[in-house]
Amino acid sequence: MTPPVVLAQLAPAIEGIRLSLHVLAATVWVGGQITLAGLVPTARQLGQDAPRRVGCLRALAAGLHGRARTPVAVSIWGSVAGVTSLAALVMGVFLAG
């Protein structure tokens, strides 16, 4: 088999994996939104502007993800948005504890 044929055969699997990772990232992002909403009162213990800084970082990454035009940019900014949502979740756990 030549490489283009192999890639054509793997395309549905690669697309399925990509879509699964996207849905997983969206799930983490939504969970992060809920966590961030609950985190605001606790984050204020770090300072009155702490919730805004956490929210602006997450919103910036999500906004860049939504505006990305290339597959690489979509992947990068989607990952950054997911990581910032996870960071908000972890921060909430540690601050609440």
PDB file of N, CA and C in Angstrom:
ATOM      1  N   MET A   1       0.832  -1.186   0.000  1.00  0.00           N
ATOM      2  CA  MET A   1       0.000   0.000   0.000  1.00  0.00           C
ATOM      3  C   MET A   1       0.874   1.247   0.000  1.00  0.00           C
ATOM      4  N   THR A   2       0.449   2.214  -0.705  1.00  0.00           N
ATOM      5  CA  THR A   2       1.171   3.479  -0.712  1.00  0.00           C
ATOM      6  C   THR A   2       0.657   4.356   0.421  1.00  0.00           C
ATOM      7  N   PRO A   3       1.474   5.272   0.904  1.00  0.00           N
ATOM      8  CA  PRO A   3       1.051   6.109   2.036  1.00  0.00           C
ATOM      9  C   PRO A   3      -0.276   6.829   1.848  1.00  0.00           C
ATOM     10  N   PRO A   4      -0.604   7.400   0.675  1.00  0.00           N
ATOM     11  CA  PRO A   4      -1.918   8.069   0.563  1.00  0.00           C
ATOM     12  C   PRO A   4      -3.084   7.106   0.779  1.00  0.00           C
ATOM     13  N   VAL A   5      -2.932   5.859   0.345  1.00  0.00           N
ATOM     14  CA  VAL A   5      -3.998   4.879   0.546  1.00  0.00           C
ATOM     15  C   VAL A   5      -4.145   4.574   2.034  1.00  0.00           C
ATOM     16  N   VAL A   6      -3.035   4.441   2.726  1.00  0.00           N
ATOM     17  CA  VAL A   6      -3.072   4.162   4.163  1.00  0.00           C
ATOM     18  C   VAL A   6      -3.728   5.331   4.900  1.00  0.00           C
ATOM     19  N   LEU A   7      -3.353   6.536   4.546  1.00  0.00           N
ATOM     20  CA  LEU A   7      -3.960   7.706   5.185  1.00  0.00           C
ATOM     21  C   LEU A   7      -5.456   7.784   4.904  1.00  0.00           C
ATOM     22  N   ALA A   8      -5.855   7.443   3.702  1.00  0.00           N
ATOM     23  CA  ALA A   8      -7.279   7.452   3.359  1.00  0.00           C
ATOM     24  C   ALA A   8      -8.039   6.423   4.185  1.00  0.00           C
ATOM     25  N   GLN A   9      -7.405   5.286   4.441  1.00  0.00           N
ATOM     26  CA  GLN A   9      -8.060   4.255   5.245  1.00  0.00           C
ATOM     27  C   GLN A   9      -8.132   4.647   6.717  1.00  0.00           C
ATOM     28  N   LEU A  10      -7.141   5.392   7.169  1.00  0.00           N
ATOM     29  CA  LEU A  10      -7.114   5.812   8.576  1.00  0.00           C
ATOM     30  C   LEU A  10      -7.929   7.075   8.838  1.00  0.00           C
ATOM     31  N   ALA A  11      -8.324   7.777   7.797  1.00  0.00           N
ATOM     32  CA  ALA A  11      -9.018   9.053   7.956  1.00  0.00           C
ATOM     33  C   ALA A  11     -10.252   8.974   8.851  1.00  0.00           C
ATOM     34  N   PRO A  12     -11.133   7.972   8.693  1.00  0.00           N
ATOM     35  CA  PRO A  12     -12.302   7.930   9.595  1.00  0.00           C
ATOM     36  C   PRO A  12     -11.906   7.735  11.065  1.00  0.00           C
ATOM     37  N   ALA A  13     -10.891   6.928  11.310  1.00  0.00           N
ATOM     38  CA  ALA A  13     -10.443   6.718  12.687  1.00  0.00           C
ATOM     39  C   ALA A  13      -9.832   7.995  13.254  1.00  0.00           C
ATOM     40  N   ILE A  14      -9.021   8.667  12.458  1.00  0.00           N
ATOM     41  CA  ILE A  14      -8.399   9.914  12.906  1.00  0.00           C
ATOM     42  C   ILE A  14      -9.465  10.967  13.172  1.00  0.00           C
ATOM     43  N   GLU A  15     -10.441  11.057  12.297  1.00  0.00           N
ATOM     44  CA  GLU A  15     -11.528  12.021  12.490  1.00  0.00           C
ATOM     45  C   GLU A  15     -12.342  11.686  13.743  1.00  0.00           C
ATOM     46  N   GLY A  16     -12.574  10.411  13.983  1.00  0.00           N
ATOM     47  CA  GLY A  16     -13.302   9.997  15.183  1.00  0.00           C
ATOM     48  C   GLY A  16     -12.550  10.339  16.454  1.00  0.00           C
ATOM     49  N   ILE A  17     -11.243  10.128  16.430  1.00  0.00           N
ATOM     50  CA  ILE A  17     -10.416  10.471  17.593  1.00  0.00           C
ATOM     51  C   ILE A  17     -10.415  11.983  17.804  1.00  0.00           C
ATOM     52  N   ARG A  18     -10.259  12.740  16.713  1.00  0.00           N
ATOM     53  CA  ARG A  18     -10.259  14.198  16.808  1.00  0.00           C
ATOM     54  C   ARG A  18     -11.570  14.712  17.383  1.00  0.00           C
ATOM     55  N   LEU A  19     -12.682  14.188  16.888  1.00  0.00           N
ATOM     56  CA  LEU A  19     -13.984  14.629  17.374  1.00  0.00           C
ATOM     57  C   LEU A  19     -14.193  14.222  18.836  1.00  0.00           C
ATOM     58  N   SER A  20     -13.752  13.033  19.203  1.00  0.00           N
ATOM     59  CA  SER A  20     -13.866  12.589  20.596  1.00  0.00           C
ATOM     60  C   SER A  20     -13.082  13.499  21.527  1.00  0.00           C
ATOM     61  N   LEU A  21     -11.877  13.863  21.132  1.00  0.00           N
ATOM     62  CA  LEU A  21     -11.065  14.771  21.943  1.00  0.00           C
ATOM     63  C   LEU A  21     -11.712  16.153  22.028  1.00  0.00           C
ATOM     64  N   HIS A  22     -12.323  16.585  20.942  1.00  0.00           N
ATOM     65  CA  HIS A  22     -13.008  17.886  20.948  1.00  0.00           C
ATOM     66  C   HIS A  22     -14.187  17.872  21.920  1.00  0.00           C
ATOM     67  N   VAL A  23     -14.973  16.818  21.886  1.00  0.00           N
ATOM     68  CA  VAL A  23     -16.124  16.715  22.793  1.00  0.00           C
ATOM     69  C   VAL A  23     -15.645  16.620  24.242  1.00  0.00           C
ATOM     70  N   LEU A  24     -14.568  15.864  24.479  1.00  0.00           N
ATOM     71  CA  LEU A  24     -13.999  15.773  25.830  1.00  0.00           C
ATOM     72  C   LEU A  24     -13.545  17.151  26.304  1.00  0.00           C
ATOM     73  N   ALA A  25     -12.862  17.890  25.432  1.00  0.00           N
ATOM     74  CA  ALA A  25     -12.404  19.232  25.798  1.00  0.00           C
ATOM     75  C   ALA A  25     -13.589  20.152  26.075  1.00  0.00           C
ATOM     76  N   ALA A  26     -14.643  20.053  25.286  1.00  0.00           N
ATOM     77  CA  ALA A  26     -15.838  20.875  25.519  1.00  0.00           C
ATOM     78  C   ALA A  26     -16.479  20.525  26.858  1.00  0.00           C
ATOM     79  N   THR A  27     -16.479  19.251  27.194  1.00  0.00           N
ATOM     80  CA  THR A  27     -17.020  18.819  28.482  1.00  0.00           C
ATOM     81  C   THR A  27     -16.212  19.409  29.629  1.00  0.00           C
ATOM     82  N   VAL A  28     -14.893  19.363  29.504  1.00  0.00           N
ATOM     83  CA  VAL A  28     -14.020  19.949  30.523  1.00  0.00           C
ATOM     84  C   VAL A  28     -14.258  21.453  30.602  1.00  0.00           C
ATOM     85  N   TRP A  29     -14.423  22.091  29.442  1.00  0.00           N
ATOM     86  CA  TRP A  29     -14.637  23.528  29.409  1.00  0.00           C
ATOM     87  C   TRP A  29     -15.936  23.902  30.125  1.00  0.00           C
ATOM     88  N   VAL A  30     -17.010  23.175  29.841  1.00  0.00           N
ATOM     89  CA  VAL A  30     -18.292  23.456  30.490  1.00  0.00           C
ATOM     90  C   VAL A  30     -18.179  23.217  31.991  1.00  0.00           C
ATOM     91  N   GLY A  31     -17.513  22.141  32.366  1.00  0.00           N
ATOM     92  CA  GLY A  31     -17.288  21.887  33.792  1.00  0.00           C
ATOM     93  C   GLY A  31     -16.490  23.007  34.436  1.00  0.00           C
ATOM     94  N   GLY A  32     -15.533  23.523  33.696  1.00  0.00           N
ATOM     95  CA  GLY A  32     -14.737  24.645  34.186  1.00  0.00           C
ATOM     96  C   GLY A  32     -15.572  25.900  34.366  1.00  0.00           C
ATOM     97  N   GLN A  33     -16.540  26.103  33.469  1.00  0.00           N
ATOM     98  CA  GLN A  33     -17.427  27.258  33.586  1.00  0.00           C
ATOM     99  C   GLN A  33     -18.250  27.164  34.869  1.00  0.00           C
ATOM    100  N   ILE A  34     -18.772  25.984  35.134  1.00  0.00           N
ATOM    101  CA  ILE A  34     -19.578  25.779  36.341  1.00  0.00           C
ATOM    102  C   ILE A  34     -18.707  25.963  37.579  1.00  0.00           C
ATOM    103  N   THR A  35     -17.510  25.404  37.526  1.00  0.00           N
ATOM    104  CA  THR A  35     -16.578  25.546  38.647  1.00  0.00           C
ATOM    105  C   THR A  35     -16.200  27.002  38.848  1.00  0.00           C
ATOM    106  N   LEU A  36     -15.947  27.698  37.757  1.00  0.00           N
ATOM    107  CA  LEU A  36     -15.574  29.105  37.859  1.00  0.00           C
ATOM    108  C   LEU A  36     -16.693  29.916  38.502  1.00  0.00           C
ATOM    109  N   ALA A  37     -17.930  29.609  38.178  1.00  0.00           N
ATOM    110  CA  ALA A  37     -19.062  30.318  38.787  1.00  0.00           C
ATOM    111  C   ALA A  37     -19.094  30.099  40.296  1.00  0.00           C
ATOM    112  N   GLY A  38     -18.795  28.883  40.726  1.00  0.00           N
ATOM    113  CA  GLY A  38     -18.748  28.594  42.155  1.00  0.00           C
ATOM    114  C   GLY A  38     -17.478  29.089  42.824  1.00  0.00           C
ATOM    115  N   LEU A  39     -16.463  29.329  42.016  1.00  0.00           N
ATOM    116  CA  LEU A  39     -15.159  29.729  42.533  1.00  0.00           C
ATOM    117  C   LEU A  39     -15.064  31.214  42.857  1.00  0.00           C
ATOM    118  N   VAL A  40     -15.900  32.022  42.244  1.00  0.00           N
ATOM    119  CA  VAL A  40     -15.790  33.483  42.379  1.00  0.00           C
ATOM    120  C   VAL A  40     -15.750  33.932  43.837  1.00  0.00           C
ATOM    121  N   PRO A  41     -16.678  33.508  44.697  1.00  0.00           N
ATOM    122  CA  PRO A  41     -16.603  33.982  46.084  1.00  0.00           C
ATOM    123  C   PRO A  41     -15.306  33.562  46.784  1.00  0.00           C
ATOM    124  N   THR A  42     -14.861  32.360  46.517  1.00  0.00           N
ATOM    125  CA  THR A  42     -13.641  31.866  47.142  1.00  0.00           C
ATOM    126  C   THR A  42     -12.410  32.569  46.585  1.00  0.00           C
ATOM    127  N   ALA A  43     -12.403  32.829  45.292  1.00  0.00           N
ATOM    128  CA  ALA A  43     -11.252  33.487  44.660  1.00  0.00           C
ATOM    129  C   ALA A  43     -11.082  34.911  45.171  1.00  0.00           C
ATOM    130  N   ARG A  44     -12.148  35.519  45.615  1.00  0.00           N
ATOM    131  CA  ARG A  44     -12.049  36.895  46.133  1.00  0.00           C
ATOM    132  C   ARG A  44     -11.171  36.960  47.372  1.00  0.00           C
ATOM    133  N   GLN A  45     -10.935  35.810  48.013  1.00  0.00           N
ATOM    134  CA  GLN A  45     -10.032  35.782  49.161  1.00  0.00           C
ATOM    135  C   GLN A  45      -8.604  36.143  48.739  1.00  0.00           C
ATOM    136  N   LEU A  46      -8.278  35.904  47.475  1.00  0.00           N
ATOM    137  CA  LEU A  46      -6.953  36.242  46.950  1.00  0.00           C
ATOM    138  C   LEU A  46      -6.861  37.705  46.549  1.00  0.00           C
ATOM    139  N   GLY A  47      -7.985  38.381  46.488  1.00  0.00           N
ATOM    140  CA  GLY A  47      -8.040  39.786  46.072  1.00  0.00           C
ATOM    141  C   GLY A  47      -9.298  40.008  45.263  1.00  0.00           C
ATOM    142  N   GLN A  48      -9.776  41.230  45.261  1.00  0.00           N
ATOM    143  CA  GLN A  48     -11.026  41.533  44.563  1.00  0.00           C
ATOM    144  C   GLN A  48     -10.945  41.319  43.055  1.00  0.00           C
ATOM    145  N   ASP A  49      -9.743  41.445  42.465  1.00  0.00           N
ATOM    146  CA  ASP A  49      -9.623  41.278  41.019  1.00  0.00           C
ATOM    147  C   ASP A  49      -9.227  39.866  40.605  1.00  0.00           C
ATOM    148  N   ALA A  50      -9.049  38.961  41.556  1.00  0.00           N
ATOM    149  CA  ALA A  50      -8.647  37.582  41.215  1.00  0.00           C
ATOM    150  C   ALA A  50      -9.676  36.873  40.328  1.00  0.00           C
ATOM    151  N   PRO A  51     -10.976  36.950  40.623  1.00  0.00           N
ATOM    152  CA  PRO A  51     -11.941  36.281  39.726  1.00  0.00           C
ATOM    153  C   PRO A  51     -11.901  36.831  38.301  1.00  0.00           C
ATOM    154  N   ARG A  52     -11.704  38.125  38.172  1.00  0.00           N
ATOM    155  CA  ARG A  52     -11.638  38.730  36.841  1.00  0.00           C
ATOM    156  C   ARG A  52     -10.423  38.223  36.075  1.00  0.00           C
ATOM    157  N   ARG A  53      -9.287  38.108  36.753  1.00  0.00           N
ATOM    158  CA  ARG A  53      -8.081  37.625  36.077  1.00  0.00           C
ATOM    159  C   ARG A  53      -8.251  36.181  35.625  1.00  0.00           C
ATOM    160  N   VAL A  54      -8.823  35.341  36.473  1.00  0.00           N
ATOM    161  CA  VAL A  54      -9.045  33.937  36.107  1.00  0.00           C
ATOM    162  C   VAL A  54     -10.039  33.848  34.946  1.00  0.00           C
ATOM    163  N   GLY A  55     -11.143  34.614  35.036  1.00  0.00           N
ATOM    164  CA  GLY A  55     -12.161  34.603  33.980  1.00  0.00           C
ATOM    165  C   GLY A  55     -11.650  35.168  32.661  1.00  0.00           C
ATOM    166  N   CYS A  56     -10.847  36.285  32.737  1.00  0.00           N
ATOM    167  CA  CYS A  56     -10.321  36.886  31.474  1.00  0.00           C
ATOM    168  C   CYS A  56      -9.411  35.934  30.749  1.00  0.00           C
ATOM    169  N   LEU A  57      -8.559  35.171  31.504  1.00  0.00           N
ATOM    170  CA  LEU A  57      -7.631  34.223  30.893  1.00  0.00           C
ATOM    171  C   LEU A  57      -8.398  33.120  30.178  1.00  0.00           C
ATOM    172  N   ARG A  58      -9.416  32.567  30.844  1.00  0.00           N
ATOM    173  CA  ARG A  58     -10.210  31.494  30.252  1.00  0.00           C
ATOM    174  C   ARG A  58     -10.988  32.010  29.051  1.00  0.00           C
ATOM    175  N   ALA A  59     -11.574  33.187  29.185  1.00  0.00           N
ATOM    176  CA  ALA A  59     -12.363  33.754  28.091  1.00  0.00           C
ATOM    177  C   ALA A  59     -11.478  34.090  26.890  1.00  0.00           C
ATOM    178  N   LEU A  60     -10.280  34.574  27.144  1.00  0.00           N
ATOM    179  CA  LEU A  60      -9.356  34.888  26.057  1.00  0.00           C
ATOM    180  C   LEU A  60      -9.019  33.625  25.262  1.00  0.00           C
ATOM    181  N   ALA A  61      -8.685  32.556  25.971  1.00  0.00           N
ATOM    182  CA  ALA A  61      -8.342  31.304  25.284  1.00  0.00           C
ATOM    183  C   ALA A  61      -9.539  30.760  24.504  1.00  0.00           C
ATOM    184  N   ALA A  62     -10.720  30.804  25.097  1.00  0.00           N
ATOM    185  CA  ALA A  62     -11.915  30.307  24.409  1.00  0.00           C
ATOM    186  C   ALA A  62     -12.239  31.180  23.192  1.00  0.00           C
ATOM    187  N   GLY A  63     -12.069  32.484  23.335  1.00  0.00           N
ATOM    188  CA  GLY A  63     -12.328  33.386  22.217  1.00  0.00           C
ATOM    189  C   GLY A  63     -11.372  33.150  21.056  1.00  0.00           C
ATOM    190  N   LEU A  64     -10.105  32.958  21.367  1.00  0.00           N
ATOM    191  CA  LEU A  64      -9.118  32.680  20.321  1.00  0.00           C
ATOM    192  C   LEU A  64      -9.394  31.336  19.657  1.00  0.00           C
ATOM    193  N   HIS A  65      -9.858  30.379  20.431  1.00  0.00           N
ATOM    194  CA  HIS A  65     -10.228  29.065  19.875  1.00  0.00           C
ATOM    195  C   HIS A  65     -11.371  29.235  18.874  1.00  0.00           C
ATOM    196  N   GLY A  66     -12.349  30.038  19.231  1.00  0.00           N
ATOM    197  CA  GLY A  66     -13.490  30.251  18.353  1.00  0.00           C
ATOM    198  C   GLY A  66     -13.157  31.017  17.083  1.00  0.00           C
ATOM    199  N   ARG A  67     -12.136  31.860  17.136  1.00  0.00           N
ATOM    200  CA  ARG A  67     -11.753  32.661  15.972  1.00  0.00           C
ATOM    201  C   ARG A  67     -10.686  32.000  15.101  1.00  0.00           C
ATOM    202  N   ALA A  68     -10.109  30.912  15.584  1.00  0.00           N
ATOM    203  CA  ALA A  68      -9.030  30.249  14.842  1.00  0.00           C
ATOM    204  C   ALA A  68      -9.540  29.753  13.497  1.00  0.00           C
ATOM    205  N   ARG A  69      -8.692  29.812  12.505  1.00  0.00           N
ATOM    206  CA  ARG A  69      -9.091  29.430  11.151  1.00  0.00           C
ATOM    207  C   ARG A  69      -8.375  28.188  10.635  1.00  0.00           C
ATOM    208  N   THR A  70      -7.229  27.856  11.194  1.00  0.00           N
ATOM    209  CA  THR A  70      -6.506  26.668  10.730  1.00  0.00           C
ATOM    210  C   THR A  70      -6.692  25.546  11.735  1.00  0.00           C
ATOM    211  N   PRO A  71      -6.618  24.293  11.297  1.00  0.00           N
ATOM    212  CA  PRO A  71      -6.756  23.179  12.237  1.00  0.00           C
ATOM    213  C   PRO A  71      -5.741  23.232  13.376  1.00  0.00           C
ATOM    214  N   VAL A  72      -4.525  23.668  13.066  1.00  0.00           N
ATOM    215  CA  VAL A  72      -3.500  23.754  14.115  1.00  0.00           C
ATOM    216  C   VAL A  72      -3.880  24.809  15.150  1.00  0.00           C
ATOM    217  N   ALA A  73      -4.331  25.966  14.692  1.00  0.00           N
ATOM    218  CA  ALA A  73      -4.718  27.031  15.621  1.00  0.00           C
ATOM    219  C   ALA A  73      -5.926  26.619  16.459  1.00  0.00           C
ATOM    220  N   VAL A  74      -6.890  25.959  15.841  1.00  0.00           N
ATOM    221  CA  VAL A  74      -8.061  25.471  16.582  1.00  0.00           C
ATOM    222  C   VAL A  74      -7.612  24.504  17.672  1.00  0.00           C
ATOM    223  N   SER A  75      -6.699  23.620  17.328  1.00  0.00           N
ATOM    224  CA  SER A  75      -6.200  22.643  18.300  1.00  0.00           C
ATOM    225  C   SER A  75      -5.450  23.318  19.442  1.00  0.00           C
ATOM    226  N   ILE A  76      -4.577  24.242  19.084  1.00  0.00           N
ATOM    227  CA  ILE A  76      -3.773  24.912  20.112  1.00  0.00           C
ATOM    228  C   ILE A  76      -4.660  25.699  21.067  1.00  0.00           C
ATOM    229  N   TRP A  77      -5.532  26.550  20.529  1.00  0.00           N
ATOM    230  CA  TRP A  77      -6.354  27.388  21.398  1.00  0.00           C
ATOM    231  C   TRP A  77      -7.422  26.578  22.129  1.00  0.00           C
ATOM    232  N   GLY A  78      -7.893  25.508  21.526  1.00  0.00           N
ATOM    233  CA  GLY A  78      -8.807  24.619  22.242  1.00  0.00           C
ATOM    234  C   GLY A  78      -8.117  23.975  23.425  1.00  0.00           C
ATOM    235  N   SER A  79      -6.866  23.583  23.229  1.00  0.00           N
ATOM    236  CA  SER A  79      -6.087  22.995  24.326  1.00  0.00           C
ATOM    237  C   SER A  79      -5.835  24.012  25.430  1.00  0.00           C
ATOM    238  N   VAL A  80      -5.472  25.223  25.036  1.00  0.00           N
ATOM    239  CA  VAL A  80      -5.239  26.271  26.032  1.00  0.00           C
ATOM    240  C   VAL A  80      -6.526  26.559  26.810  1.00  0.00           C
ATOM    241  N   ALA A  81      -7.654  26.621  26.128  1.00  0.00           N
ATOM    242  CA  ALA A  81      -8.933  26.853  26.807  1.00  0.00           C
ATOM    243  C   ALA A  81      -9.243  25.719  27.778  1.00  0.00           C
ATOM    244  N   GLY A  82      -8.981  24.490  27.354  1.00  0.00           N
ATOM    245  CA  GLY A  82      -9.202  23.344  28.244  1.00  0.00           C
ATOM    246  C   GLY A  82      -8.304  23.376  29.460  1.00  0.00           C
ATOM    247  N   VAL A  83      -7.041  23.712  29.248  1.00  0.00           N
ATOM    248  CA  VAL A  83      -6.093  23.766  30.368  1.00  0.00           C
ATOM    249  C   VAL A  83      -6.464  24.881  31.337  1.00  0.00           C
ATOM    250  N   THR A  84      -6.879  26.028  30.831  1.00  0.00           N
ATOM    251  CA  THR A  84      -7.264  27.110  31.738  1.00  0.00           C
ATOM    252  C   THR A  84      -8.526  26.754  32.516  1.00  0.00           C
ATOM    253  N   SER A  85      -9.433  26.019  31.902  1.00  0.00           N
ATOM    254  CA  SER A  85     -10.621  25.564  32.637  1.00  0.00           C
ATOM    255  C   SER A  85     -10.230  24.565  33.716  1.00  0.00           C
ATOM    256  N   LEU A  86      -9.317  23.661  33.384  1.00  0.00           N
ATOM    257  CA  LEU A  86      -8.827  22.723  34.397  1.00  0.00           C
ATOM    258  C   LEU A  86      -8.100  23.453  35.523  1.00  0.00           C
ATOM    259  N   ALA A  87      -7.342  24.478  35.168  1.00  0.00           N
ATOM    260  CA  ALA A  87      -6.644  25.264  36.188  1.00  0.00           C
ATOM    261  C   ALA A  87      -7.643  25.933  37.121  1.00  0.00           C
ATOM    262  N   ALA A  88      -8.748  26.448  36.581  1.00  0.00           N
ATOM    263  CA  ALA A  88      -9.781  27.045  37.414  1.00  0.00           C
ATOM    264  C   ALA A  88     -10.378  25.997  38.345  1.00  0.00           C
ATOM    265  N   LEU A  89     -10.587  24.809  37.833  1.00  0.00           N
ATOM    266  CA  LEU A  89     -11.123  23.717  38.651  1.00  0.00           C
ATOM    267  C   LEU A  89     -10.167  23.382  39.792  1.00  0.00           C
ATOM    268  N   VAL A  90      -8.888  23.219  39.483  1.00  0.00           N
ATOM    269  CA  VAL A  90      -7.899  22.872  40.501  1.00  0.00           C
ATOM    270  C   VAL A  90      -7.770  24.002  41.522  1.00  0.00           C
ATOM    271  N   MET A  91      -7.757  25.240  41.038  1.00  0.00           N
ATOM    272  CA  MET A  91      -7.678  26.374  41.938  1.00  0.00           C
ATOM    273  C   MET A  91      -8.869  26.394  42.886  1.00  0.00           C
ATOM    274  N   GLY A  92     -10.045  26.102  42.357  1.00  0.00           N
ATOM    275  CA  GLY A  92     -11.241  26.048  43.199  1.00  0.00           C
ATOM    276  C   GLY A  92     -11.161  24.975  44.268  1.00  0.00           C
ATOM    277  N   VAL A  93     -10.638  23.819  43.901  1.00  0.00           N
ATOM    278  CA  VAL A  93     -10.506  22.721  44.867  1.00  0.00           C
ATOM    279  C   VAL A  93      -9.538  23.128  45.987  1.00  0.00           C
ATOM    280  N   PHE A  94      -8.402  23.698  45.607  1.00  0.00           N
ATOM    281  CA  PHE A  94      -7.430  24.075  46.608  1.00  0.00           C
ATOM    282  C   PHE A  94      -7.899  25.226  47.483  1.00  0.00           C
ATOM    283  N   LEU A  95      -8.579  26.199  46.909  1.00  0.00           N
ATOM    284  CA  LEU A  95      -9.064  27.333  47.702  1.00  0.00           C
ATOM    285  C   LEU A  95     -10.212  26.925  48.612  1.00  0.00           C
ATOM    286  N   ALA A  96     -11.032  25.989  48.154  1.00  0.00           N
ATOM    287  CA  ALA A  96     -12.177  25.568  48.973  1.00  0.00           C
ATOM    288  C   ALA A  96     -11.732  24.671  50.131  1.00  0.00           C
ATOM    289  N   GLY A  97     -10.593  23.997  49.954  1.00  0.00           N
ATOM    290  CA  GLY A  97     -10.121  23.012  50.929  1.00  0.00           C
ATOM    291  C   GLY A  97      -9.592  23.628  52.166  1.00  0.00           C
TER     292      GLY A  97
END
